PDB file of N, CA and C in Angstrom:
ATOM      1  N   MET A   1      -7.849  -1.634 -20.898  1.00  0.00           N
ATOM      2  CA  MET A   1      -6.825  -0.756 -20.301  1.00  0.00           C
ATOM      3  C   MET A   1      -6.784   0.694 -21.607  1.00  0.00           C
ATOM      4  N   ASP A   2      -6.534   1.960 -20.921  1.00  0.00           N
ATOM      5  CA  ASP A   2      -6.730   3.050 -22.049  1.00  0.00           C
ATOM      6  C   ASP A   2      -5.266   3.397 -22.053  1.00  0.00           C
ATOM      7  N   GLN A   3      -4.950   3.983 -23.450  1.00  0.00           N
ATOM      8  CA  GLN A   3      -3.603   4.679 -23.515  1.00  0.00           C
ATOM      9  C   GLN A   3      -3.239   5.684 -22.649  1.00  0.00           C
ATOM     10  N   ALA A   4      -1.786   5.472 -22.287  1.00  0.00           N
ATOM     11  CA  ALA A   4      -1.558   6.532 -21.407  1.00  0.00           C
ATOM     12  C   ALA A   4      -0.694   7.525 -21.727  1.00  0.00           C
ATOM     13  N   ASP A   5      -1.053   8.793 -21.504  1.00  0.00           N
ATOM     14  CA  ASP A   5      -0.020   9.835 -21.437  1.00  0.00           C
ATOM     15  C   ASP A   5       0.545  10.156 -20.324  1.00  0.00           C
ATOM     16  N   ALA A   6       1.282   9.356 -19.478  1.00  0.00           N
ATOM     17  CA  ALA A   6       1.587   9.199 -18.065  1.00  0.00           C
ATOM     18  C   ALA A   6       3.152   8.540 -17.886  1.00  0.00           C
ATOM     19  N   CYS A   7       3.623   9.161 -16.871  1.00  0.00           N
ATOM     20  CA  CYS A   7       4.760   8.029 -16.449  1.00  0.00           C
ATOM     21  C   CYS A   7       5.211   8.157 -14.958  1.00  0.00           C
ATOM     22  N   VAL A   8       6.106   7.330 -14.595  1.00  0.00           N
ATOM     23  CA  VAL A   8       6.480   6.851 -13.173  1.00  0.00           C
ATOM     24  C   VAL A   8       7.985   7.434 -13.131  1.00  0.00           C
ATOM     25  N   VAL A   9       8.141   8.382 -12.087  1.00  0.00           N
ATOM     26  CA  VAL A   9       9.343   8.769 -11.804  1.00  0.00           C
ATOM     27  C   VAL A   9      10.039   7.777 -10.510  1.00  0.00           C
ATOM     28  N   MET A  10      11.074   7.346 -10.655  1.00  0.00           N
ATOM     29  CA  MET A  10      11.515   6.890  -9.516  1.00  0.00           C
ATOM     30  C   MET A  10      12.616   7.307  -8.843  1.00  0.00           C
ATOM     31  N   VAL A  11      12.877   7.512  -7.836  1.00  0.00           N
ATOM     32  CA  VAL A  11      13.757   8.390  -7.058  1.00  0.00           C
ATOM     33  C   VAL A  11      13.830   7.600  -5.702  1.00  0.00           C
ATOM     34  N   THR A  12      15.369   7.797  -5.313  1.00  0.00           N
ATOM     35  CA  THR A  12      15.453   7.236  -3.942  1.00  0.00           C
ATOM     36  C   THR A  12      15.897   8.530  -3.137  1.00  0.00           C
ATOM     37  N   ALA A  13      15.642   8.355  -1.876  1.00  0.00           N
ATOM     38  CA  ALA A  13      16.386   9.315  -0.631  1.00  0.00           C
ATOM     39  C   ALA A  13      16.757   8.417   0.479  1.00  0.00           C
ATOM     40  N   PRO A  14      17.682   9.315   1.051  1.00  0.00           N
ATOM     41  CA  PRO A  14      18.302   8.660   2.231  1.00  0.00           C
ATOM     42  C   PRO A  14      17.499   8.659   3.415  1.00  0.00           C
ATOM     43  N   SER A  15      16.511   9.185   3.900  1.00  0.00           N
ATOM     44  CA  SER A  15      15.407   9.197   5.168  1.00  0.00           C
ATOM     45  C   SER A  15      14.127   9.410   4.539  1.00  0.00           C
ATOM     46  N   LYS A  16      13.187   9.203   5.285  1.00  0.00           N
ATOM     47  CA  LYS A  16      11.628   9.082   5.501  1.00  0.00           C
ATOM     48  C   LYS A  16      11.310  10.658   5.488  1.00  0.00           C
ATOM     49  N   ASP A  17      12.113  11.452   6.097  1.00  0.00           N
ATOM     50  CA  ASP A  17      11.876  12.803   6.254  1.00  0.00           C
ATOM     51  C   ASP A  17      12.313  13.645   5.092  1.00  0.00           C
ATOM     52  N   GLU A  18      13.193  13.111   4.219  1.00  0.00           N
ATOM     53  CA  GLU A  18      13.532  13.655   3.197  1.00  0.00           C
ATOM     54  C   GLU A  18      12.641  13.197   2.187  1.00  0.00           C
ATOM     55  N   ALA A  19      12.286  12.111   2.032  1.00  0.00           N
ATOM     56  CA  ALA A  19      11.304  11.727   1.014  1.00  0.00           C
ATOM     57  C   ALA A  19       9.885  12.371   0.943  1.00  0.00           C
ATOM     58  N   GLU A  20       9.678  12.319   2.467  1.00  0.00           N
ATOM     59  CA  GLU A  20       8.421  13.028   2.505  1.00  0.00           C
ATOM     60  C   GLU A  20       8.561  14.798   2.364  1.00  0.00           C
ATOM     61  N   ARG A  21       9.796  15.483   2.608  1.00  0.00           N
ATOM     62  CA  ARG A  21       9.714  17.012   1.898  1.00  0.00           C
ATOM     63  C   ARG A  21       9.647  16.870   0.113  1.00  0.00           C
ATOM     64  N   LEU A  22      10.508  15.862  -0.215  1.00  0.00           N
ATOM     65  CA  LEU A  22      10.307  15.800  -1.772  1.00  0.00           C
ATOM     66  C   LEU A  22       9.266  15.661  -2.276  1.00  0.00           C
ATOM     67  N   ALA A  23       8.398  14.627  -1.598  1.00  0.00           N
ATOM     68  CA  ALA A  23       6.873  14.248  -1.938  1.00  0.00           C
ATOM     69  C   ALA A  23       5.855  15.643  -2.101  1.00  0.00           C
ATOM     70  N   VAL A  24       6.049  16.170  -0.966  1.00  0.00           N
ATOM     71  CA  VAL A  24       5.426  17.478  -0.784  1.00  0.00           C
ATOM     72  C   VAL A  24       5.503  18.839  -1.550  1.00  0.00           C
ATOM     73  N   ALA A  25       7.121  18.740  -1.420  1.00  0.00           N
ATOM     74  CA  ALA A  25       7.139  20.051  -2.644  1.00  0.00           C
ATOM     75  C   ALA A  25       6.646  19.673  -4.307  1.00  0.00           C
ATOM     76  N   THR A  26       6.994  18.382  -4.388  1.00  0.00           N
ATOM     77  CA  THR A  26       6.500  18.208  -5.889  1.00  0.00           C
ATOM     78  C   THR A  26       5.102  18.185  -6.007  1.00  0.00           C
ATOM     79  N   LEU A  27       4.129  17.731  -4.921  1.00  0.00           N
ATOM     80  CA  LEU A  27       2.843  17.795  -5.292  1.00  0.00           C
ATOM     81  C   LEU A  27       2.062  19.232  -5.056  1.00  0.00           C
ATOM     82  N   GLU A  28       2.696  19.936  -4.091  1.00  0.00           N
ATOM     83  CA  GLU A  28       2.251  21.679  -3.965  1.00  0.00           C
ATOM     84  C   GLU A  28       2.875  22.360  -5.346  1.00  0.00           C
ATOM     85  N   ALA A  29       3.659  22.029  -6.024  1.00  0.00           N
ATOM     86  CA  ALA A  29       4.032  22.373  -7.484  1.00  0.00           C
ATOM     87  C   ALA A  29       3.156  21.740  -8.433  1.00  0.00           C
ATOM     88  N   ARG A  30       2.514  20.977  -8.175  1.00  0.00           N
ATOM     89  CA  ARG A  30       1.357  20.033  -9.184  1.00  0.00           C
ATOM     90  C   ARG A  30       2.326  19.511 -10.182  1.00  0.00           C
ATOM     91  N   LEU A  31       3.484  19.053  -9.818  1.00  0.00           N
ATOM     92  CA  LEU A  31       4.448  18.299 -11.229  1.00  0.00           C
ATOM     93  C   LEU A  31       4.015  16.503 -10.727  1.00  0.00           C
ATOM     94  N   ALA A  32       3.336  16.509  -9.856  1.00  0.00           N
ATOM     95  CA  ALA A  32       2.808  14.726  -9.725  1.00  0.00           C
ATOM     96  C   ALA A  32       1.742  15.025  -8.799  1.00  0.00           C
ATOM     97  N   ALA A  33       0.848  13.847  -9.546  1.00  0.00           N
ATOM     98  CA  ALA A  33      -0.553  13.632  -8.958  1.00  0.00           C
ATOM     99  C   ALA A  33      -0.632  12.910  -7.761  1.00  0.00           C
ATOM    100  N   CYS A  34       0.456  12.241  -7.556  1.00  0.00           N
ATOM    101  CA  CYS A  34       0.617  11.100  -6.395  1.00  0.00           C
ATOM    102  C   CYS A  34       2.042  10.731  -6.004  1.00  0.00           C
ATOM    103  N   VAL A  35       2.440  10.351  -5.088  1.00  0.00           N
ATOM    104  CA  VAL A  35       3.813   9.837  -4.694  1.00  0.00           C
ATOM    105  C   VAL A  35       3.637   9.206  -3.615  1.00  0.00           C
ATOM    106  N   GLN A  36       4.197   7.650  -3.838  1.00  0.00           N
ATOM    107  CA  GLN A  36       4.206   6.683  -3.019  1.00  0.00           C
ATOM    108  C   GLN A  36       5.745   6.738  -2.526  1.00  0.00           C
ATOM    109  N   ILE A  37       5.730   6.189  -1.237  1.00  0.00           N
ATOM    110  CA  ILE A  37       6.968   6.011  -0.502  1.00  0.00           C
ATOM    111  C   ILE A  37       6.922   4.678   0.139  1.00  0.00           C
ATOM    112  N   GLN A  38       8.018   3.993  -0.021  1.00  0.00           N
ATOM    113  CA  GLN A  38       8.583   2.854   0.596  1.00  0.00           C
ATOM    114  C   GLN A  38      10.111   2.738   1.108  1.00  0.00           C
ATOM    115  N   ALA A  39      10.051   2.178   2.096  1.00  0.00           N
ATOM    116  CA  ALA A  39      11.286   1.678   2.600  1.00  0.00           C
ATOM    117  C   ALA A  39      11.970   0.190   2.064  1.00  0.00           C
ATOM    118  N   ILE A  40      13.172   0.786   1.641  1.00  0.00           N
ATOM    119  CA  ILE A  40      13.998  -0.419   0.904  1.00  0.00           C
ATOM    120  C   ILE A  40      15.438  -0.387   1.161  1.00  0.00           C
ATOM    121  N   CYS A  41      16.114  -1.576   0.740  1.00  0.00           N
ATOM    122  CA  CYS A  41      17.588  -1.658   0.907  1.00  0.00           C
ATOM    123  C   CYS A  41      18.217  -1.532  -0.485  1.00  0.00           C
ATOM    124  N   SER A  42      19.249  -0.780  -0.856  1.00  0.00           N
ATOM    125  CA  SER A  42      19.644  -0.838  -1.759  1.00  0.00           C
ATOM    126  C   SER A  42      21.084  -1.229  -2.090  1.00  0.00           C
ATOM    127  N   HIS A  43      21.370  -2.105  -2.986  1.00  0.00           N
ATOM    128  CA  HIS A  43      22.810  -2.406  -3.139  1.00  0.00           C
ATOM    129  C   HIS A  43      23.314  -2.165  -4.534  1.00  0.00           C
ATOM    130  N   TYR A  44      24.371  -1.181  -4.539  1.00  0.00           N
ATOM    131  CA  TYR A  44      25.160  -0.798  -5.732  1.00  0.00           C
ATOM    132  C   TYR A  44      26.577  -0.352  -5.666  1.00  0.00           C
ATOM    133  N   TRP A  45      27.211  -0.148  -6.889  1.00  0.00           N
ATOM    134  CA  TRP A  45      28.603   0.053  -6.806  1.00  0.00           C
ATOM    135  C   TRP A  45      28.571   1.684  -6.544  1.00  0.00           C
ATOM    136  N   TRP A  46      29.625   1.937  -5.752  1.00  0.00           N
ATOM    137  CA  TRP A  46      30.050   3.475  -5.420  1.00  0.00           C
ATOM    138  C   TRP A  46      31.354   3.680  -5.052  1.00  0.00           C
ATOM    139  N   ASP A  47      32.110   4.561  -5.752  1.00  0.00           N
ATOM    140  CA  ASP A  47      33.538   4.639  -5.494  1.00  0.00           C
ATOM    141  C   ASP A  47      34.259   3.299  -5.301  1.00  0.00           C
ATOM    142  N   GLY A  48      33.945   2.587  -6.599  1.00  0.00           N
ATOM    143  CA  GLY A  48      34.559   1.505  -6.768  1.00  0.00           C
ATOM    144  C   GLY A  48      34.698   0.315  -6.192  1.00  0.00           C
ATOM    145  N   ARG A  49      33.274   0.302  -5.224  1.00  0.00           N
ATOM    146  CA  ARG A  49      33.115  -0.909  -4.401  1.00  0.00           C
ATOM    147  C   ARG A  49      31.432  -1.280  -4.265  1.00  0.00           C
ATOM    148  N   ILE A  50      31.379  -2.311  -3.915  1.00  0.00           N
ATOM    149  CA  ILE A  50      29.688  -2.593  -3.831  1.00  0.00           C
ATOM    150  C   ILE A  50      29.299  -2.067  -2.378  1.00  0.00           C
ATOM    151  N   THR A  51      28.162  -1.543  -2.294  1.00  0.00           N
ATOM    152  CA  THR A  51      27.999  -1.010  -0.853  1.00  0.00           C
ATOM    153  C   THR A  51      26.396  -0.909  -0.740  1.00  0.00           C
ATOM    154  N   SER A  52      25.863  -1.005   0.668  1.00  0.00           N
ATOM    155  CA  SER A  52      24.328  -0.974   0.581  1.00  0.00           C
ATOM    156  C   SER A  52      24.010  -0.427   1.557  1.00  0.00           C
ATOM    157  N   ASP A  53      22.605   0.239   1.521  1.00  0.00           N
ATOM    158  CA  ASP A  53      22.245   1.324   2.239  1.00  0.00           C
ATOM    159  C   ASP A  53      20.309   1.277   2.405  1.00  0.00           C
ATOM    160  N   ALA A  54      20.038   1.544   3.597  1.00  0.00           N
ATOM    161  CA  ALA A  54      18.468   1.742   3.808  1.00  0.00           C
ATOM    162  C   ALA A  54      18.228   3.066   3.121  1.00  0.00           C
ATOM    163  N   GLU A  55      17.125   2.721   2.451  1.00  0.00           N
ATOM    164  CA  GLU A  55      16.690   4.373   1.528  1.00  0.00           C
ATOM    165  C   GLU A  55      15.161   4.371   1.558  1.00  0.00           C
ATOM    166  N   GLN A  56      14.714   5.437   0.991  1.00  0.00           N
ATOM    167  CA  GLN A  56      13.485   5.356   0.714  1.00  0.00           C
ATOM    168  C   GLN A  56      13.077   5.394  -0.719  1.00  0.00           C
ATOM    169  N   LEU A  57      12.337   4.673  -1.427  1.00  0.00           N
ATOM    170  CA  LEU A  57      11.949   4.798  -2.798  1.00  0.00           C
ATOM    171  C   LEU A  57      10.912   5.394  -2.671  1.00  0.00           C
ATOM    172  N   LEU A  58      10.765   6.476  -3.689  1.00  0.00           N
ATOM    173  CA  LEU A  58       9.707   7.548  -4.031  1.00  0.00           C
ATOM    174  C   LEU A  58       9.322   7.393  -5.747  1.00  0.00           C
ATOM    175  N   LEU A  59       7.874   6.973  -5.861  1.00  0.00           N
ATOM    176  CA  LEU A  59       7.391   6.658  -7.115  1.00  0.00           C
ATOM    177  C   LEU A  59       6.507   8.062  -7.079  1.00  0.00           C
ATOM    178  N   PHE A  60       6.697   8.600  -8.141  1.00  0.00           N
ATOM    179  CA  PHE A  60       5.973   9.824  -8.570  1.00  0.00           C
ATOM    180  C   PHE A  60       5.219   9.622  -9.782  1.00  0.00           C
ATOM    181  N   LYS A  61       3.717   9.866  -9.591  1.00  0.00           N
ATOM    182  CA  LYS A  61       2.966   9.735 -10.926  1.00  0.00           C
ATOM    183  C   LYS A  61       2.761  11.011 -11.501  1.00  0.00           C
ATOM    184  N   THR A  62       3.286  10.940 -12.925  1.00  0.00           N
ATOM    185  CA  THR A  62       2.732  12.200 -13.594  1.00  0.00           C
ATOM    186  C   THR A  62       3.005  11.860 -14.833  1.00  0.00           C
ATOM    187  N   VAL A  63       3.010  13.234 -15.905  1.00  0.00           N
ATOM    188  CA  VAL A  63       3.035  13.127 -17.232  1.00  0.00           C
ATOM    189  C   VAL A  63       4.328  13.473 -17.759  1.00  0.00           C
ATOM    190  N   PRO A  64       4.719  13.034 -18.992  1.00  0.00           N
ATOM    191  CA  PRO A  64       6.056  13.178 -19.519  1.00  0.00           C
ATOM    192  C   PRO A  64       6.471  14.572 -19.547  1.00  0.00           C
ATOM    193  N   GLY A  65       5.343  15.289 -19.773  1.00  0.00           N
ATOM    194  CA  GLY A  65       5.696  16.837 -19.912  1.00  0.00           C
ATOM    195  C   GLY A  65       6.174  17.691 -19.030  1.00  0.00           C
ATOM    196  N   HIS A  66       6.190  17.047 -17.815  1.00  0.00           N
ATOM    197  CA  HIS A  66       6.444  17.561 -16.338  1.00  0.00           C
ATOM    198  C   HIS A  66       7.871  16.809 -15.981  1.00  0.00           C
ATOM    199  N   PHE A  67       8.512  15.884 -16.775  1.00  0.00           N
ATOM    200  CA  PHE A  67       9.549  15.535 -16.339  1.00  0.00           C
ATOM    201  C   PHE A  67      10.554  16.213 -15.886  1.00  0.00           C
ATOM    202  N   ALA A  68      11.085  17.239 -16.863  1.00  0.00           N
ATOM    203  CA  ALA A  68      12.046  18.019 -16.786  1.00  0.00           C
ATOM    204  C   ALA A  68      11.974  19.006 -15.298  1.00  0.00           C
ATOM    205  N   ALA A  69      10.740  19.499 -15.286  1.00  0.00           N
ATOM    206  CA  ALA A  69      10.663  20.689 -13.930  1.00  0.00           C
ATOM    207  C   ALA A  69      10.840  19.687 -12.843  1.00  0.00           C
ATOM    208  N   LEU A  70       9.879  18.346 -12.776  1.00  0.00           N
ATOM    209  CA  LEU A  70      10.107  17.594 -11.551  1.00  0.00           C
ATOM    210  C   LEU A  70      11.645  17.062 -11.309  1.00  0.00           C
ATOM    211  N   ARG A  71      12.109  16.716 -12.253  1.00  0.00           N
ATOM    212  CA  ARG A  71      13.630  16.710 -12.216  1.00  0.00           C
ATOM    213  C   ARG A  71      14.559  17.730 -11.761  1.00  0.00           C
ATOM    214  N   ASP A  72      13.985  19.051 -12.111  1.00  0.00           N
ATOM    215  CA  ASP A  72      15.005  19.886 -11.671  1.00  0.00           C
ATOM    216  C   ASP A  72      14.782  20.318 -10.160  1.00  0.00           C
ATOM    217  N   LEU A  73      13.092  20.021  -9.858  1.00  0.00           N
ATOM    218  CA  LEU A  73      13.117  20.583  -8.494  1.00  0.00           C
ATOM    219  C   LEU A  73      13.573  19.560  -7.511  1.00  0.00           C
ATOM    220  N   ILE A  74      13.336  18.141  -7.833  1.00  0.00           N
ATOM    221  CA  ILE A  74      13.915  16.997  -6.894  1.00  0.00           C
ATOM    222  C   ILE A  74      15.204  17.417  -6.760  1.00  0.00           C
ATOM    223  N   SER A  75      16.263  17.971  -8.006  1.00  0.00           N
ATOM    224  CA  SER A  75      17.696  17.794  -7.833  1.00  0.00           C
ATOM    225  C   SER A  75      18.173  18.902  -6.725  1.00  0.00           C
ATOM    226  N   SER A  76      17.123  20.099  -7.174  1.00  0.00           N
ATOM    227  CA  SER A  76      17.455  21.264  -5.957  1.00  0.00           C
ATOM    228  C   SER A  76      17.291  21.075  -4.441  1.00  0.00           C
ATOM    229  N   LEU A  77      16.415  19.968  -4.301  1.00  0.00           N
ATOM    230  CA  LEU A  77      16.289  19.936  -3.132  1.00  0.00           C
ATOM    231  C   LEU A  77      16.853  18.620  -2.223  1.00  0.00           C
ATOM    232  N   HIS A  78      17.412  17.858  -3.138  1.00  0.00           N
ATOM    233  CA  HIS A  78      18.007  16.501  -2.819  1.00  0.00           C
ATOM    234  C   HIS A  78      19.213  16.425  -2.246  1.00  0.00           C
ATOM    235  N   SER A  79      19.417  15.810  -1.015  1.00  0.00           N
ATOM    236  CA  SER A  79      20.903  15.620  -0.108  1.00  0.00           C
ATOM    237  C   SER A  79      22.114  14.846  -1.215  1.00  0.00           C
ATOM    238  N   TYR A  80      21.836  14.073  -1.822  1.00  0.00           N
ATOM    239  CA  TYR A  80      22.531  13.296  -2.776  1.00  0.00           C
ATOM    240  C   TYR A  80      23.345  14.444  -3.827  1.00  0.00           C
ATOM    241  N   ASP A  81      24.386  13.976  -4.052  1.00  0.00           N
ATOM    242  CA  ASP A  81      25.476  14.549  -5.129  1.00  0.00           C
ATOM    243  C   ASP A  81      24.779  14.237  -6.493  1.00  0.00           C
ATOM    244  N   THR A  82      24.386  12.622  -6.526  1.00  0.00           N
ATOM    245  CA  THR A  82      23.860  12.008  -7.623  1.00  0.00           C
ATOM    246  C   THR A  82      22.637  11.146  -7.812  1.00  0.00           C
ATOM    247  N   PRO A  83      21.672  12.084  -7.340  1.00  0.00           N
ATOM    248  CA  PRO A  83      20.044  11.374  -7.230  1.00  0.00           C
ATOM    249  C   PRO A  83      19.698  10.517  -7.831  1.00  0.00           C
ATOM    250  N   GLU A  84      19.260   9.222  -7.866  1.00  0.00           N
ATOM    251  CA  GLU A  84      18.553   8.421  -8.762  1.00  0.00           C
ATOM    252  C   GLU A  84      17.176   9.014  -9.112  1.00  0.00           C
ATOM    253  N   ILE A  85      17.207   9.292 -10.566  1.00  0.00           N
ATOM    254  CA  ILE A  85      15.853  10.285 -10.988  1.00  0.00           C
ATOM    255  C   ILE A  85      15.723   9.603 -12.404  1.00  0.00           C
ATOM    256  N   ILE A  86      14.664   8.818 -12.298  1.00  0.00           N
ATOM    257  CA  ILE A  86      14.402   8.049 -13.708  1.00  0.00           C
ATOM    258  C   ILE A  86      13.289   7.919 -14.160  1.00  0.00           C
ATOM    259  N   GLN A  87      12.890   8.111 -15.311  1.00  0.00           N
ATOM    260  CA  GLN A  87      11.423   7.876 -15.729  1.00  0.00           C
ATOM    261  C   GLN A  87      11.309   6.995 -16.227  1.00  0.00           C
ATOM    262  N   LEU A  88       9.835   6.314 -15.847  1.00  0.00           N
ATOM    263  CA  LEU A  88       9.592   5.191 -16.727  1.00  0.00           C
ATOM    264  C   LEU A  88       8.161   5.430 -17.449  1.00  0.00           C
ATOM    265  N   PRO A  89       7.964   4.679 -18.837  1.00  0.00           N
ATOM    266  CA  PRO A  89       6.767   5.217 -19.235  1.00  0.00           C
ATOM    267  C   PRO A  89       5.720   4.525 -18.902  1.00  0.00           C
ATOM    268  N   VAL A  90       4.650   5.108 -18.904  1.00  0.00           N
ATOM    269  CA  VAL A  90       3.343   4.149 -18.620  1.00  0.00           C
ATOM    270  C   VAL A  90       2.544   3.905 -19.848  1.00  0.00           C
ATOM    271  N   THR A  91       2.468   2.764 -20.339  1.00  0.00           N
ATOM    272  CA  THR A  91       1.807   2.365 -21.630  1.00  0.00           C
ATOM    273  C   THR A  91       0.581   2.060 -21.798  1.00  0.00           C
ATOM    274  N   ALA A  92      -0.006   1.714 -20.404  1.00  0.00           N
ATOM    275  CA  ALA A  92      -1.527   1.868 -20.505  1.00  0.00           C
ATOM    276  C   ALA A  92      -1.960   1.526 -19.173  1.00  0.00           C
ATOM    277  N   GLY A  93      -3.194   1.952 -18.922  1.00  0.00           N
ATOM    278  CA  GLY A  93      -3.671   2.037 -17.327  1.00  0.00           C
ATOM    279  C   GLY A  93      -5.160   2.135 -17.443  1.00  0.00           C
ATOM    280  N   ALA A  94      -5.884   2.165 -16.226  1.00  0.00           N
ATOM    281  CA  ALA A  94      -7.099   2.121 -16.297  1.00  0.00           C
ATOM    282  C   ALA A  94      -7.554   3.586 -16.186  1.00  0.00           C
ATOM    283  N   GLY A  95      -8.387   3.854 -17.327  1.00  0.00           N
ATOM    284  CA  GLY A  95      -8.640   5.153 -18.058  1.00  0.00           C
ATOM    285  C   GLY A  95      -9.014   6.142 -16.772  1.00  0.00           C
ATOM    286  N   LYS A  96     -10.086   5.883 -16.031  1.00  0.00           N
ATOM    287  CA  LYS A  96     -10.462   6.606 -15.004  1.00  0.00           C
ATOM    288  C   LYS A  96      -9.214   7.258 -14.244  1.00  0.00           C
ATOM    289  N   TYR A  97      -8.307   6.325 -13.607  1.00  0.00           N
ATOM    290  CA  TYR A  97      -7.246   6.970 -12.998  1.00  0.00           C
ATOM    291  C   TYR A  97      -6.146   7.717 -13.747  1.00  0.00           C
ATOM    292  N   LEU A  98      -6.132   7.493 -14.994  1.00  0.00           N
ATOM    293  CA  LEU A  98      -5.424   8.058 -15.905  1.00  0.00           C
ATOM    294  C   LEU A  98      -5.790   9.565 -16.310  1.00  0.00           C
ATOM    295  N   GLY A  99      -7.259   9.803 -16.163  1.00  0.00           N
ATOM    296  CA  GLY A  99      -7.834  11.080 -16.298  1.00  0.00           C
ATOM    297  C   GLY A  99      -7.630  11.630 -15.290  1.00  0.00           C
ATOM    298  N   TRP A 100      -7.794  11.230 -13.763  1.00  0.00           N
ATOM    299  CA  TRP A 100      -7.619  11.784 -12.821  1.00  0.00           C
ATOM    300  C   TRP A 100      -6.259  12.178 -12.858  1.00  0.00           C
ATOM    301  N   LEU A 101      -4.809  11.590 -13.093  1.00  0.00           N
ATOM    302  CA  LEU A 101      -3.576  11.854 -12.765  1.00  0.00           C
ATOM    303  C   LEU A 101      -3.297  13.380 -13.853  1.00  0.00           C
ATOM    304  N   ARG A 102      -3.960  12.994 -15.190  1.00  0.00           N
ATOM    305  CA  ARG A 102      -3.844  14.220 -15.969  1.00  0.00           C
ATOM    306  C   ARG A 102      -4.511  15.413 -15.503  1.00  0.00           C
ATOM    307  N   ARG A 103      -5.512  15.194 -14.702  1.00  0.00           N
ATOM    308  CA  ARG A 103      -6.401  16.568 -14.201  1.00  0.00           C
ATOM    309  C   ARG A 103      -5.472  17.209 -12.990  1.00  0.00           C
ATOM    310  N   GLU A 104      -5.065  16.382 -12.350  1.00  0.00           N
ATOM    311  CA  GLU A 104      -4.158  16.611 -10.919  1.00  0.00           C
ATOM    312  C   GLU A 104      -2.820  17.631 -11.379  1.00  0.00           C
ATOM    313  N   VAL A 105      -2.322  16.966 -12.497  1.00  0.00           N
ATOM    314  CA  VAL A 105      -1.094  17.557 -12.719  1.00  0.00           C
ATOM    315  C   VAL A 105      -1.513  19.143 -14.133  1.00  0.00           C
ATOM    316  N   ALA A 106      -2.793  19.154 -14.162  1.00  0.00           N
ATOM    317  CA  ALA A 106      -2.702  19.945 -15.350  1.00  0.00           C
ATOM    318  C   ALA A 106      -2.918  21.646 -14.870  1.00  0.00           C
ATOM    319  N   ALA A 107      -2.705  21.797 -13.619  1.00  0.00           N
ATOM    320  CA  ALA A 107      -2.760  23.072 -12.951  1.00  0.00           C
ATOM    321  C   ALA A 107      -1.421  23.723 -13.156  1.00  0.00           C
ATOM    322  N   VAL A 108      -0.702  23.101 -13.549  1.00  0.00           N
ATOM    323  CA  VAL A 108       1.045  23.569 -13.823  1.00  0.00           C
ATOM    324  C   VAL A 108       0.891  24.495 -15.002  1.00  0.00           C
TER     325      VAL A 108
END
């Protein structure tokens, strides 16, 4: 495993259509090299009570230097008032994959 200059950004969206719009917009802006979308069920506190919703989980593969621009683009397009946008560090990974990831987002 090689040292990484990479991160994963987690975002949830209310629908598959919105998730796909967010994915395409960030890929076109070269702020992510890959975006994975999964259907999930989220349970959380909101307005003083526990609630649950079907959502889409997006995993954006990018580099830490693009986080602010990625966060801002997602925030500008997202329908939630308080979208989940969380950066997780990648501490190591396959060298070939990490090289590909860095090349794909280097065009920004």
